[in-house]
């Protein structure tokens, strides 16, 4: 399965949930906002939403600073 994440092409062996993709990319789901095919996804739906071939994700990770 191929998808685009933040403008870069990624290939996975199978369709994955958003939660599984975040784990593959070593991102903390509590610190990420996800846009799937131009639609914002609620954090409670990360496990239920499956990413299919040619889907697009935009991931925005919050980082603390000061």
N, C-alpha and C. Protein backbone atom coordinates (compact mmCIF):
# COMPACT_ATOMS: atom_id res chain seq x y z
N UNK A 1 0.84 -1.16 0.00
CA UNK A 1 0.00 0.00 0.00
C UNK A 1 0.90 1.23 0.00
N UNK A 2 0.61 2.15 -0.91
CA UNK A 2 1.37 3.40 -0.99
C UNK A 2 0.49 4.54 -0.52
N UNK A 3 1.09 5.48 0.20
CA UNK A 3 0.38 6.68 0.60
C UNK A 3 1.38 7.83 0.67
N UNK A 4 0.84 9.02 0.76
CA UNK A 4 1.67 10.22 0.85
C UNK A 4 1.50 10.81 2.24
N UNK A 5 2.61 11.00 2.94
CA UNK A 5 2.58 11.57 4.28
C UNK A 5 3.45 12.81 4.28
N UNK A 6 2.80 13.95 4.55
CA UNK A 6 3.49 15.25 4.55
C UNK A 6 4.31 15.46 3.26
N UNK A 7 3.73 15.04 2.13
CA UNK A 7 4.35 15.26 0.84
C UNK A 7 5.35 14.20 0.41
N UNK A 8 5.66 13.23 1.27
CA UNK A 8 6.63 12.18 0.94
C UNK A 8 5.90 10.86 0.71
N UNK A 9 6.37 10.06 -0.24
CA UNK A 9 5.79 8.75 -0.53
C UNK A 9 6.25 7.72 0.49
N UNK A 10 5.31 6.94 0.99
CA UNK A 10 5.59 5.84 1.92
C UNK A 10 4.92 4.59 1.39
N UNK A 11 5.54 3.44 1.62
CA UNK A 11 4.98 2.16 1.23
C UNK A 11 4.91 1.26 2.46
N UNK A 12 3.74 0.66 2.67
CA UNK A 12 3.53 -0.28 3.77
C UNK A 12 3.06 -1.60 3.17
N UNK A 13 3.26 -2.70 3.87
CA UNK A 13 2.90 -4.02 3.36
C UNK A 13 1.40 -4.25 3.26
N UNK A 14 0.62 -3.48 4.02
CA UNK A 14 -0.83 -3.67 4.05
C UNK A 14 -1.50 -2.36 4.45
N UNK A 15 -2.81 -2.31 4.29
CA UNK A 15 -3.57 -1.14 4.75
C UNK A 15 -3.45 -1.08 6.27
N UNK A 16 -3.20 0.11 6.79
CA UNK A 16 -3.02 0.30 8.23
C UNK A 16 -3.96 1.38 8.74
N UNK A 17 -4.21 1.34 10.03
CA UNK A 17 -4.97 2.42 10.66
C UNK A 17 -4.03 3.61 10.87
N UNK A 18 -4.62 4.76 11.11
CA UNK A 18 -3.80 5.93 11.42
C UNK A 18 -2.95 5.65 12.65
N UNK A 19 -3.54 5.00 13.65
CA UNK A 19 -2.81 4.67 14.88
C UNK A 19 -1.57 3.83 14.56
N UNK A 20 -1.73 2.83 13.70
CA UNK A 20 -0.62 1.95 13.35
C UNK A 20 0.47 2.71 12.58
N UNK A 21 0.07 3.62 11.71
CA UNK A 21 1.05 4.42 10.97
C UNK A 21 1.82 5.32 11.92
N UNK A 22 1.13 5.94 12.87
CA UNK A 22 1.83 6.78 13.85
C UNK A 22 2.84 5.96 14.64
N UNK A 23 2.48 4.73 14.99
CA UNK A 23 3.42 3.86 15.70
C UNK A 23 4.61 3.51 14.81
N UNK A 24 4.35 3.21 13.54
CA UNK A 24 5.44 2.90 12.59
C UNK A 24 6.41 4.06 12.47
N UNK A 25 5.87 5.28 12.52
CA UNK A 25 6.70 6.48 12.38
C UNK A 25 7.23 6.98 13.72
N UNK A 26 6.95 6.24 14.80
CA UNK A 26 7.39 6.57 16.15
C UNK A 26 6.91 7.95 16.58
N UNK A 27 5.62 8.23 16.32
CA UNK A 27 5.00 9.49 16.72
C UNK A 27 3.98 9.25 17.82
N UNK A 28 3.92 10.15 18.78
CA UNK A 28 2.98 10.06 19.89
C UNK A 28 1.63 10.58 19.44
N UNK A 29 0.62 9.71 19.43
CA UNK A 29 -0.72 10.07 18.97
C UNK A 29 -1.32 11.22 19.77
N UNK A 30 -0.89 11.39 21.01
CA UNK A 30 -1.41 12.48 21.84
C UNK A 30 -0.85 13.84 21.43
N UNK A 31 0.19 13.84 20.61
CA UNK A 31 0.84 15.10 20.23
C UNK A 31 0.73 15.40 18.74
N UNK A 32 -0.18 14.68 18.04
CA UNK A 32 -0.28 14.80 16.59
C UNK A 32 -1.71 15.13 16.18
N UNK A 33 -1.84 16.04 15.23
CA UNK A 33 -3.12 16.27 14.56
C UNK A 33 -2.99 15.65 13.17
N UNK A 34 -4.04 14.93 12.75
CA UNK A 34 -3.99 14.21 11.48
C UNK A 34 -5.07 14.72 10.54
N UNK A 35 -4.65 14.99 9.31
CA UNK A 35 -5.57 15.33 8.24
C UNK A 35 -5.47 14.19 7.22
N UNK A 36 -6.59 13.53 6.95
CA UNK A 36 -6.65 12.39 6.03
C UNK A 36 -7.46 12.79 4.81
N UNK A 37 -6.82 12.85 3.66
CA UNK A 37 -7.48 13.28 2.42
C UNK A 37 -8.25 14.59 2.63
N UNK A 38 -7.57 15.55 3.26
CA UNK A 38 -8.07 16.91 3.50
C UNK A 38 -9.18 16.99 4.56
N UNK A 39 -9.41 15.92 5.32
CA UNK A 39 -10.39 15.92 6.41
C UNK A 39 -9.68 15.69 7.74
N UNK A 40 -9.95 16.55 8.72
CA UNK A 40 -9.38 16.34 10.05
C UNK A 40 -9.97 15.09 10.68
N UNK A 41 -9.13 14.34 11.37
CA UNK A 41 -9.57 13.11 12.03
C UNK A 41 -9.46 13.30 13.53
N UNK A 42 -10.53 12.97 14.25
CA UNK A 42 -10.50 13.06 15.71
C UNK A 42 -9.58 11.97 16.26
N UNK A 43 -8.90 12.31 17.34
CA UNK A 43 -7.95 11.37 17.93
C UNK A 43 -8.61 10.04 18.30
N UNK A 44 -9.85 10.08 18.75
CA UNK A 44 -10.53 8.83 19.14
C UNK A 44 -10.85 7.94 17.93
N UNK A 45 -10.68 8.47 16.71
CA UNK A 45 -10.93 7.69 15.50
C UNK A 45 -9.65 7.16 14.85
N UNK A 46 -8.49 7.43 15.42
CA UNK A 46 -7.23 7.02 14.81
C UNK A 46 -7.15 5.51 14.59
N UNK A 47 -7.70 4.72 15.50
CA UNK A 47 -7.65 3.26 15.36
C UNK A 47 -8.64 2.77 14.31
N UNK A 48 -9.77 3.45 14.17
CA UNK A 48 -10.82 2.99 13.26
C UNK A 48 -10.59 3.38 11.80
N UNK A 49 -9.91 4.49 11.55
CA UNK A 49 -9.72 4.98 10.18
C UNK A 49 -8.55 4.24 9.53
N UNK A 50 -8.86 3.53 8.45
CA UNK A 50 -7.84 2.80 7.71
C UNK A 50 -7.35 3.65 6.54
N UNK A 51 -6.05 3.60 6.30
CA UNK A 51 -5.44 4.31 5.19
C UNK A 51 -5.34 3.34 4.02
N UNK A 52 -5.83 3.78 2.88
CA UNK A 52 -5.85 2.95 1.68
C UNK A 52 -4.80 3.43 0.68
N UNK A 53 -4.59 2.63 -0.35
CA UNK A 53 -3.64 2.95 -1.39
C UNK A 53 -3.92 4.33 -1.98
N UNK A 54 -2.87 5.13 -2.10
CA UNK A 54 -2.93 6.48 -2.69
C UNK A 54 -3.58 7.54 -1.79
N UNK A 55 -3.88 7.23 -0.53
CA UNK A 55 -4.41 8.23 0.40
C UNK A 55 -3.31 9.22 0.77
N UNK A 56 -3.73 10.40 1.23
CA UNK A 56 -2.79 11.44 1.66
C UNK A 56 -3.02 11.77 3.13
N UNK A 57 -1.93 11.86 3.88
CA UNK A 57 -1.98 12.25 5.28
C UNK A 57 -1.10 13.49 5.47
N UNK A 58 -1.58 14.38 6.28
CA UNK A 58 -0.77 15.49 6.77
C UNK A 58 -0.72 15.35 8.28
N UNK A 59 0.47 15.30 8.84
CA UNK A 59 0.67 15.12 10.27
C UNK A 59 1.33 16.36 10.83
N UNK A 60 0.71 16.91 11.86
CA UNK A 60 1.27 18.08 12.52
C UNK A 60 1.53 17.71 13.97
N UNK A 61 2.80 17.72 14.35
CA UNK A 61 3.19 17.32 15.71
C UNK A 61 3.46 18.56 16.54
N UNK A 62 2.86 18.60 17.73
CA UNK A 62 3.09 19.70 18.65
C UNK A 62 4.36 19.46 19.44
N UNK A 63 5.17 20.49 19.55
CA UNK A 63 6.41 20.41 20.32
C UNK A 63 6.44 21.56 21.31
N UNK A 64 6.85 21.25 22.51
CA UNK A 64 6.95 22.28 23.53
C UNK A 64 8.23 23.10 23.35
N UNK A 65 8.21 24.27 23.88
CA UNK A 65 9.39 25.12 23.79
C UNK A 65 9.18 26.38 24.61
N UNK A 66 10.17 27.17 24.64
CA UNK A 66 9.98 28.36 25.42
C UNK A 66 11.04 29.40 25.20
